[in-house]
Amino acid sequence: MPLKNPKELPKIPKTRKKKAQAALEAIPEKKDDKLEYNCSSFFYFDETTNSQKFIFRIETIAEFTSFAYEVAIDQIIEGREFYFVLMGLKARPNMVPKVQPAITDLPFDGLVGEYTIHIVKQDGAINSATYKINLFTKQIEILEEFQPKKKNNRMFCSFSVDEELFSFSK
């Protein structure tokens, strides 16, 4: 087809977008347990919006030297169950390189009570934890960490409460 006077437009293939729902239904390959991620939680007071937030911070265990990355996450929220599907890493602008893990903060307003958090990898592995959140007494408690029953499921994520990062209005 000549490029000077084309009679029809060339067809460009569409790229596939990974879907979060497909990761929930996938069956992972059999692998050994290896910690790759940490999901920490804390209260944070946002001074720009003057509101109290609850943050889930998902970060890699591995640290990167040359580039700053963030973890790309798709969220599926079903009542009191949150599914955070790890979609990969995205590069962030970084003026001064330093050694740091890939970090993403997921802010939420008005969480009070018990919530179940599911961290889902693209291959289908799921790690979960049940949190008890009480903003009025300023407490976060992890009631249980577990792996849902799924063929070849493995441990890849730890859960923690980071009280050093707590911030409240004055």
C-alpha atoms as a PDB file:
ATOM      1  CA  MET A   1       0.000   0.000   0.000  1.00  0.00           C
ATOM      2  CA  PRO A   2       1.615   3.294  -1.014  1.00  0.00           C
ATOM      3  CA  LEU A   3       1.925   5.877   1.738  1.00  0.00           C
ATOM      4  CA  LYS A   4       1.511   9.021  -0.389  1.00  0.00           C
ATOM      5  CA  ASN A   5      -2.127   8.557  -1.371  1.00  0.00           C
ATOM      6  CA  PRO A   6      -3.648   5.802   0.752  1.00  0.00           C
ATOM      7  CA  LYS A   7      -7.093   4.635  -0.292  1.00  0.00           C
ATOM      8  CA  GLU A   8      -7.885   3.233   3.139  1.00  0.00           C
ATOM      9  CA  LEU A   9      -6.522   3.814   6.616  1.00  0.00           C
ATOM     10  CA  PRO A  10      -4.150   1.180   7.973  1.00  0.00           C
ATOM     11  CA  LYS A  11      -5.495  -0.858  10.870  1.00  0.00           C
ATOM     12  CA  ILE A  12      -3.627  -0.359  14.120  1.00  0.00           C
ATOM     13  CA  PRO A  13      -3.986  -3.180  16.633  1.00  0.00           C
ATOM     14  CA  LYS A  14      -5.513  -2.234  19.972  1.00  0.00           C
ATOM     15  CA  THR A  15      -3.460  -2.843  23.080  1.00  0.00           C
ATOM     16  CA  ARG A  16      -4.908  -5.110  25.701  1.00  0.00           C
ATOM     17  CA  LYS A  17      -5.731  -3.574  29.048  1.00  0.00           C
ATOM     18  CA  LYS A  18      -5.327  -5.914  31.970  1.00  0.00           C
ATOM     19  CA  LYS A  19      -8.523  -6.307  33.900  1.00  0.00           C
ATOM     20  CA  ALA A  20      -8.669  -6.484  37.670  1.00  0.00           C
ATOM     21  CA  GLN A  21     -11.529  -9.005  37.615  1.00  0.00           C
ATOM     22  CA  ALA A  22      -9.405 -11.448  35.577  1.00  0.00           C
ATOM     23  CA  ALA A  23      -6.762 -11.451  38.344  1.00  0.00           C
ATOM     24  CA  LEU A  24      -9.403 -12.448  40.909  1.00  0.00           C
ATOM     25  CA  GLU A  25     -10.426 -15.451  38.838  1.00  0.00           C
ATOM     26  CA  ALA A  26      -6.911 -16.572  37.805  1.00  0.00           C
ATOM     27  CA  ILE A  27      -5.276 -19.623  39.380  1.00  0.00           C
ATOM     28  CA  PRO A  28      -1.643 -18.934  40.349  1.00  0.00           C
ATOM     29  CA  GLU A  29       1.272 -21.195  39.490  1.00  0.00           C
ATOM     30  CA  LYS A  30       2.762 -23.202  42.316  1.00  0.00           C
ATOM     31  CA  LYS A  31       5.597 -21.137  43.856  1.00  0.00           C
ATOM     32  CA  ASP A  32       7.250 -20.829  47.247  1.00  0.00           C
ATOM     33  CA  ASP A  33       6.206 -18.152  49.728  1.00  0.00           C
ATOM     34  CA  LYS A  34       8.260 -14.972  49.303  1.00  0.00           C
ATOM     35  CA  LEU A  35       7.462 -11.577  50.806  1.00  0.00           C
ATOM     36  CA  GLU A  36       7.302  -8.999  48.012  1.00  0.00           C
ATOM     37  CA  TYR A  37       4.911  -6.363  49.411  1.00  0.00           C
ATOM     38  CA  ASN A  38       3.918  -4.764  52.695  1.00  0.00           C
ATOM     39  CA  CYS A  39       0.512  -3.211  53.327  1.00  0.00           C
ATOM     40  CA  SER A  40       0.671  -0.752  56.208  1.00  0.00           C
ATOM     41  CA  SER A  41      -2.132   1.442  57.491  1.00  0.00           C
ATOM     42  CA  PHE A  42      -2.315   4.694  59.413  1.00  0.00           C
ATOM     43  CA  PHE A  43      -4.429   7.790  60.078  1.00  0.00           C
ATOM     44  CA  TYR A  44      -3.438  10.958  58.244  1.00  0.00           C
ATOM     45  CA  PHE A  45      -4.750  14.498  58.625  1.00  0.00           C
ATOM     46  CA  ASP A  46      -4.826  16.277  55.265  1.00  0.00           C
ATOM     47  CA  GLU A  47      -4.302  19.979  55.964  1.00  0.00           C
ATOM     48  CA  THR A  48      -5.223  21.098  52.437  1.00  0.00           C
ATOM     49  CA  THR A  49      -8.736  19.625  52.626  1.00  0.00           C
ATOM     50  CA  ASN A  50      -8.901  19.847  56.442  1.00  0.00           C
ATOM     51  CA  SER A  51     -10.087  16.231  56.718  1.00  0.00           C
ATOM     52  CA  GLN A  52      -9.013  13.083  58.488  1.00  0.00           C
ATOM     53  CA  LYS A  53      -8.087  10.219  56.142  1.00  0.00           C
ATOM     54  CA  PHE A  54      -7.362   6.561  56.613  1.00  0.00           C
ATOM     55  CA  ILE A  55      -4.439   5.432  54.447  1.00  0.00           C
ATOM     56  CA  PHE A  56      -3.534   2.003  53.139  1.00  0.00           C
ATOM     57  CA  ARG A  57       0.096   2.181  51.988  1.00  0.00           C
ATOM     58  CA  ILE A  58       1.247  -0.587  49.678  1.00  0.00           C
ATOM     59  CA  GLU A  59       4.988  -0.761  49.139  1.00  0.00           C
ATOM     60  CA  THR A  60       7.469  -3.203  47.702  1.00  0.00           C
ATOM     61  CA  ILE A  61      10.052  -4.937  49.864  1.00  0.00           C
ATOM     62  CA  ALA A  62      12.619  -4.450  47.088  1.00  0.00           C
ATOM     63  CA  GLU A  63      14.215  -1.019  46.891  1.00  0.00           C
ATOM     64  CA  PHE A  64      15.051   0.771  43.645  1.00  0.00           C
ATOM     65  CA  THR A  65      18.131   2.934  43.140  1.00  0.00           C
ATOM     66  CA  SER A  66      17.869   4.839  39.874  1.00  0.00           C
ATOM     67  CA  PHE A  67      14.159   5.540  39.463  1.00  0.00           C
ATOM     68  CA  ALA A  68      11.238   6.291  41.755  1.00  0.00           C
ATOM     69  CA  TYR A  69       8.303   3.950  41.206  1.00  0.00           C
ATOM     70  CA  GLU A  70       4.768   3.679  42.459  1.00  0.00           C
ATOM     71  CA  VAL A  71       2.660   0.548  42.553  1.00  0.00           C
ATOM     72  CA  ALA A  72      -0.194   0.671  40.015  1.00  0.00           C
ATOM     73  CA  ILE A  73      -3.363  -0.562  41.722  1.00  0.00           C
ATOM     74  CA  ASP A  74      -6.930  -1.175  40.590  1.00  0.00           C
ATOM     75  CA  GLN A  75      -9.529  -1.080  43.356  1.00  0.00           C
ATOM     76  CA  ILE A  76     -12.667  -3.168  43.628  1.00  0.00           C
ATOM     77  CA  ILE A  77     -14.841  -2.228  46.611  1.00  0.00           C
ATOM     78  CA  GLU A  78     -17.710  -4.483  47.612  1.00  0.00           C
ATOM     79  CA  GLY A  79     -19.284  -3.272  50.855  1.00  0.00           C
ATOM     80  CA  ARG A  80     -16.729  -3.815  53.615  1.00  0.00           C
ATOM     81  CA  GLU A  81     -14.356  -5.806  51.404  1.00  0.00           C
ATOM     82  CA  PHE A  82     -11.623  -4.004  49.475  1.00  0.00           C
ATOM     83  CA  TYR A  83      -9.734  -5.740  46.665  1.00  0.00           C
ATOM     84  CA  PHE A  84      -6.469  -4.040  45.718  1.00  0.00           C
ATOM     85  CA  VAL A  85      -5.215  -5.624  42.485  1.00  0.00           C
ATOM     86  CA  LEU A  86      -1.499  -5.039  41.868  1.00  0.00           C
ATOM     87  CA  MET A  87      -1.205  -4.079  38.191  1.00  0.00           C
ATOM     88  CA  GLY A  88       2.559  -3.408  38.065  1.00  0.00           C
ATOM     89  CA  LEU A  89       4.913  -0.490  38.618  1.00  0.00           C
ATOM     90  CA  LYS A  90       4.774   3.040  37.166  1.00  0.00           C
ATOM     91  CA  ALA A  91       7.707   5.443  37.048  1.00  0.00           C
ATOM     92  CA  ARG A  92       7.329   8.747  38.890  1.00  0.00           C
ATOM     93  CA  PRO A  93       9.221  11.951  38.142  1.00  0.00           C
ATOM     94  CA  ASN A  94      12.313  11.937  40.325  1.00  0.00           C
ATOM     95  CA  MET A  95      14.692  14.892  40.444  1.00  0.00           C
ATOM     96  CA  VAL A  96      17.065  13.447  43.032  1.00  0.00           C
ATOM     97  CA  PRO A  97      17.592   9.696  42.842  1.00  0.00           C
ATOM     98  CA  LYS A  98      17.660   7.831  46.143  1.00  0.00           C
ATOM     99  CA  VAL A  99      17.199   4.270  47.308  1.00  0.00           C
ATOM    100  CA  GLN A 100      13.508   3.681  48.025  1.00  0.00           C
ATOM    101  CA  PRO A 101      10.756   1.111  47.526  1.00  0.00           C
ATOM    102  CA  ALA A 102       7.809   1.591  45.174  1.00  0.00           C
ATOM    103  CA  ILE A 103       5.023   3.151  47.272  1.00  0.00           C
ATOM    104  CA  THR A 104       1.338   3.928  46.707  1.00  0.00           C
ATOM    105  CA  ASP A 105      -1.009   5.489  49.266  1.00  0.00           C
ATOM    106  CA  LEU A 106      -4.731   4.728  49.033  1.00  0.00           C
ATOM    107  CA  PRO A 107      -6.734   7.305  51.071  1.00  0.00           C
ATOM    108  CA  PHE A 108     -10.245   6.640  52.404  1.00  0.00           C
ATOM    109  CA  ASP A 109     -12.713   8.813  54.324  1.00  0.00           C
ATOM    110  CA  GLY A 110     -15.035   7.701  57.089  1.00  0.00           C
ATOM    111  CA  LEU A 111     -13.878   4.136  57.714  1.00  0.00           C
ATOM    112  CA  VAL A 112     -15.168   2.901  61.068  1.00  0.00           C
ATOM    113  CA  GLY A 113     -15.631  -0.764  61.960  1.00  0.00           C
ATOM    114  CA  GLU A 114     -14.293  -3.996  60.513  1.00  0.00           C
ATOM    115  CA  TYR A 115     -13.001  -4.192  56.947  1.00  0.00           C
ATOM    116  CA  THR A 116     -11.407  -7.025  54.993  1.00  0.00           C
ATOM    117  CA  ILE A 117      -8.533  -6.095  52.696  1.00  0.00           C
ATOM    118  CA  HIS A 118      -7.489  -8.415  49.862  1.00  0.00           C
ATOM    119  CA  ILE A 119      -4.180  -7.829  48.065  1.00  0.00           C
ATOM    120  CA  VAL A 120      -4.325  -9.591  44.683  1.00  0.00           C
ATOM    121  CA  LYS A 121      -1.401 -10.222  42.319  1.00  0.00           C
ATOM    122  CA  GLN A 122      -1.853 -10.489  38.534  1.00  0.00           C
ATOM    123  CA  ASP A 123      -1.197 -14.237  38.634  1.00  0.00           C
ATOM    124  CA  GLY A 124      -4.188 -14.730  40.979  1.00  0.00           C
ATOM    125  CA  ALA A 125      -2.508 -15.118  44.392  1.00  0.00           C
ATOM    126  CA  ILE A 126      -4.459 -13.405  47.200  1.00  0.00           C
ATOM    127  CA  ASN A 127      -3.391 -12.354  50.716  1.00  0.00           C
ATOM    128  CA  SER A 128      -5.960 -10.895  53.086  1.00  0.00           C
ATOM    129  CA  ALA A 129      -6.336  -9.236  56.469  1.00  0.00           C
ATOM    130  CA  THR A 130      -9.250  -8.094  58.592  1.00  0.00           C
ATOM    131  CA  TYR A 131      -8.846  -4.637  60.140  1.00  0.00           C
ATOM    132  CA  LYS A 132     -10.793  -3.070  62.990  1.00  0.00           C
ATOM    133  CA  ILE A 133     -10.704   0.718  62.568  1.00  0.00           C
ATOM    134  CA  ASN A 134     -11.886   3.206  65.162  1.00  0.00           C
ATOM    135  CA  LEU A 135     -11.250   6.868  64.360  1.00  0.00           C
ATOM    136  CA  PHE A 136     -12.823   8.090  67.611  1.00  0.00           C
ATOM    137  CA  THR A 137     -10.352   6.215  69.846  1.00  0.00           C
ATOM    138  CA  LYS A 138      -7.607   6.576  67.177  1.00  0.00           C
ATOM    139  CA  GLN A 139      -6.916   2.858  67.003  1.00  0.00           C
ATOM    140  CA  ILE A 140      -6.264   0.426  64.174  1.00  0.00           C
ATOM    141  CA  GLU A 141      -6.100  -3.271  64.927  1.00  0.00           C
ATOM    142  CA  ILE A 142      -5.368  -6.204  62.642  1.00  0.00           C
ATOM    143  CA  LEU A 143      -7.748  -8.937  63.772  1.00  0.00           C
ATOM    144  CA  GLU A 144      -6.486 -11.642  61.418  1.00  0.00           C
ATOM    145  CA  GLU A 145      -4.149 -12.235  58.478  1.00  0.00           C
ATOM    146  CA  PHE A 146      -5.097 -15.080  56.172  1.00  0.00           C
ATOM    147  CA  GLN A 147      -4.888 -16.536  52.689  1.00  0.00           C
ATOM    148  CA  PRO A 148      -8.250 -17.304  51.075  1.00  0.00           C
ATOM    149  CA  LYS A 149      -8.748 -20.894  50.026  1.00  0.00           C
ATOM    150  CA  LYS A 150      -7.507 -21.025  46.454  1.00  0.00           C
ATOM    151  CA  LYS A 151      -5.423 -23.544  44.578  1.00  0.00           C
ATOM    152  CA  ASN A 152      -1.656 -22.736  44.751  1.00  0.00           C
ATOM    153  CA  ASN A 153      -2.241 -19.607  46.852  1.00  0.00           C
ATOM    154  CA  ARG A 154       0.925 -18.361  48.565  1.00  0.00           C
ATOM    155  CA  MET A 155       2.129 -15.732  51.030  1.00  0.00           C
ATOM    156  CA  PHE A 156       3.575 -12.630  49.317  1.00  0.00           C
ATOM    157  CA  CYS A 157       2.306  -9.696  51.428  1.00  0.00           C
ATOM    158  CA  SER A 158       2.585  -8.729  55.089  1.00  0.00           C
ATOM    159  CA  PHE A 159       0.186  -6.405  56.899  1.00  0.00           C
ATOM    160  CA  SER A 160       1.054  -3.875  59.597  1.00  0.00           C
ATOM    161  CA  VAL A 161      -0.137  -0.767  61.439  1.00  0.00           C
ATOM    162  CA  ASP A 162       2.403   2.076  61.258  1.00  0.00           C
ATOM    163  CA  GLU A 163       1.693   4.238  64.319  1.00  0.00           C
ATOM    164  CA  GLU A 164       4.752   6.426  63.631  1.00  0.00           C
ATOM    165  CA  LEU A 165       2.950   7.898  60.597  1.00  0.00           C
ATOM    166  CA  PHE A 166      -0.251   8.771  62.510  1.00  0.00           C
ATOM    167  CA  SER A 167      -1.217  12.441  62.232  1.00  0.00           C
ATOM    168  CA  PHE A 168      -4.310  14.165  63.611  1.00  0.00           C
ATOM    169  CA  SER A 169      -5.694  17.701  63.633  1.00  0.00           C
ATOM    170  CA  LYS A 170      -4.394  19.972  66.339  1.00  0.00           C
END
